[in-house]
Protein backbone atom coordinates (compact mmCIF):
# COMPACT_ATOMS: atom_id res chain seq x y z
CA MET A 1 -10.60 4.56 -5.58
CA GLU A 2 -8.06 7.27 -5.41
CA PHE A 3 -6.52 8.89 -2.67
CA LEU A 4 -3.24 10.34 -1.29
CA ALA A 5 -0.95 8.71 0.93
CA GLU A 6 1.22 10.72 3.63
CA LYS A 7 3.53 7.63 3.73
CA ILE A 8 4.82 4.40 2.07
CA HIS A 9 6.97 1.47 2.96
CA ALA A 10 7.32 -1.30 1.04
CA HIS A 11 9.55 -3.85 1.43
CA ARG A 12 10.77 -7.76 0.59
CA TRP A 13 8.51 -9.94 1.87
CA PRO A 14 8.28 -13.17 2.86
CA GLN A 15 11.87 -13.26 3.61
CA GLU A 16 12.36 -16.53 2.22
CA SER A 17 11.20 -14.99 -1.60
CA PRO A 18 13.85 -13.89 -4.02
CA LEU A 19 15.95 -10.95 -3.28
CA TRP A 20 15.18 -7.58 -5.24
CA ASP A 21 18.41 -6.48 -6.93
CA ASP A 22 19.95 -2.79 -6.39
CA SER A 23 18.44 -0.63 -9.08
CA ILE A 24 14.79 -2.10 -7.72
CA GLN A 25 16.08 -1.38 -4.23
CA LEU A 26 16.71 2.30 -5.54
CA GLN A 27 13.51 2.74 -7.24
CA ILE A 28 11.25 1.68 -4.28
CA ASP A 29 13.29 3.81 -1.75
CA ASN A 30 13.90 7.05 -4.22
CA SER A 31 9.77 6.87 -4.99
CA LEU A 32 8.08 5.56 -2.44
CA ASN A 33 10.07 4.57 1.13
CA LYS A 34 12.31 8.02 1.44
CA ASN A 35 10.54 10.36 -0.44
CA SER A 36 8.63 12.58 2.11
CA GLN A 37 5.68 14.15 -0.68
CA LYS A 38 2.32 12.19 -0.54
CA LYS A 39 2.01 9.59 -3.17
CA LYS A 40 -1.17 8.84 -5.13
CA ILE A 41 -2.81 5.76 -4.24
CA LYS A 42 -5.47 4.34 -7.21
CA ILE A 43 -7.14 0.97 -6.16
CA ASP A 44 -9.19 -0.85 -9.40
CA LYS A 45 -10.81 -4.10 -8.29
CA LYS A 46 -7.94 -6.37 -7.11
CA ILE A 47 -5.15 -3.73 -8.95
CA ILE A 48 -3.13 -1.49 -6.31
CA GLN A 49 -1.19 1.40 -7.80
CA ILE A 50 1.33 3.69 -5.81
CA GLU A 51 2.63 6.35 -8.32
CA ASN A 52 3.86 4.69 -10.92
CA PHE A 53 3.88 1.28 -9.16
CA LYS A 54 1.29 -1.54 -10.09
CA PHE A 55 0.89 -4.17 -7.27
CA SER A 56 -1.27 -7.09 -7.94
CA ASN A 57 -2.27 -10.65 -6.36
CA VAL A 58 -3.25 -8.77 -3.52
CA LYS A 59 -3.89 -10.60 -0.18
CA LYS A 60 -3.82 -10.27 3.84
CA ILE A 61 -5.01 -6.84 3.51
CA GLY A 62 -5.03 -5.01 6.97
CA ILE A 63 -7.01 -1.81 7.53
CA SER A 64 -7.17 -0.19 10.53
CA ILE A 65 -7.59 3.03 12.47
CA PRO A 66 -4.24 3.39 15.42
CA PHE A 67 -6.04 4.34 18.82
CA PHE A 68 -5.03 8.46 19.19
CA LYS A 69 -3.92 9.02 15.58
CA ASP A 70 -6.01 10.48 13.64
CA GLU A 71 -4.73 8.26 10.68
CA CYS A 72 -5.45 5.37 8.70
CA ARG A 73 -2.96 2.68 8.13
CA MET A 74 -2.96 -0.04 5.14
CA ILE A 75 -1.00 -3.08 4.69
CA PHE A 76 -1.10 -5.60 2.26
CA GLU A 77 1.06 -8.53 0.52
CA ALA A 78 1.48 -8.27 -3.02
CA GLN A 79 3.57 -8.77 -6.37
CA PHE A 80 5.59 -6.52 -8.18
CA GLY A 81 5.91 -7.75 -11.70
CA GLU A 82 7.97 -10.71 -10.48
CA LEU A 83 8.67 -9.63 -6.85
CA PHE A 84 6.93 -10.34 -3.53
CA THR A 85 5.85 -6.98 -1.09
CA HIS A 86 4.72 -6.27 2.07
CA ILE A 87 3.18 -2.41 1.56
CA HIS A 88 2.13 -0.30 4.63
CA ILE A 89 0.32 3.09 3.74
CA THR A 90 0.10 5.84 6.19
CA VAL A 91 -3.36 8.34 5.13
CA LYS A 92 -3.50 11.11 7.61
CA SER A 93 -5.39 13.90 5.98
CA GLU A 94 -8.38 15.20 7.48
CA ASN A 95 -10.69 12.59 5.30
CA TYR A 96 -8.84 9.89 6.58
CA LEU A 97 -11.96 7.79 8.01
CA GLU A 98 -13.90 8.39 4.85
CA ILE A 99 -10.87 6.67 3.03
CA PHE A 100 -10.90 4.15 6.04
CA ASN A 101 -14.37 3.51 4.71
CA GLN A 102 -13.93 3.15 1.52
CA LEU A 103 -10.99 0.71 1.84
CA ILE A 104 -12.99 -1.45 3.94
CA SER A 105 -15.66 -1.32 1.29
CA TRP A 106 -13.34 -1.97 -1.28
CA ARG A 107 -12.07 -5.48 0.67
CA ASN A 108 -15.27 -6.94 1.59
CA GLU A 109 -16.39 -7.00 -1.99
CA PHE A 110 -13.27 -7.85 -3.45
CA PHE A 111 -11.72 -10.21 -1.17
CA PRO A 112 -14.33 -11.25 1.11
CA LYS A 113 -13.24 -13.43 3.86
């Protein structure tokens, strides 16, 4: 599954996980957090790729449509190499409902409760 996201926010999580060095934080900020361009999201089974960053060991996936907004959001925990992270993805495109349904189906298939 592939789609574009208008907003990404990635941060270290949990708080007791190893600190990110300044170069990693700068990469994440410049490419994802502070970049206003749409970002390409590619999901392949249990790997989520956002631009050139691959996230593995994905868990605690939340997918929602906020009240009174034409968008969908996905939040999850994952690893980026040896680092732990929490990712927030916001999709505001006109096909956000289709993307929402695809994300729910993907989560149900690869991360059953």
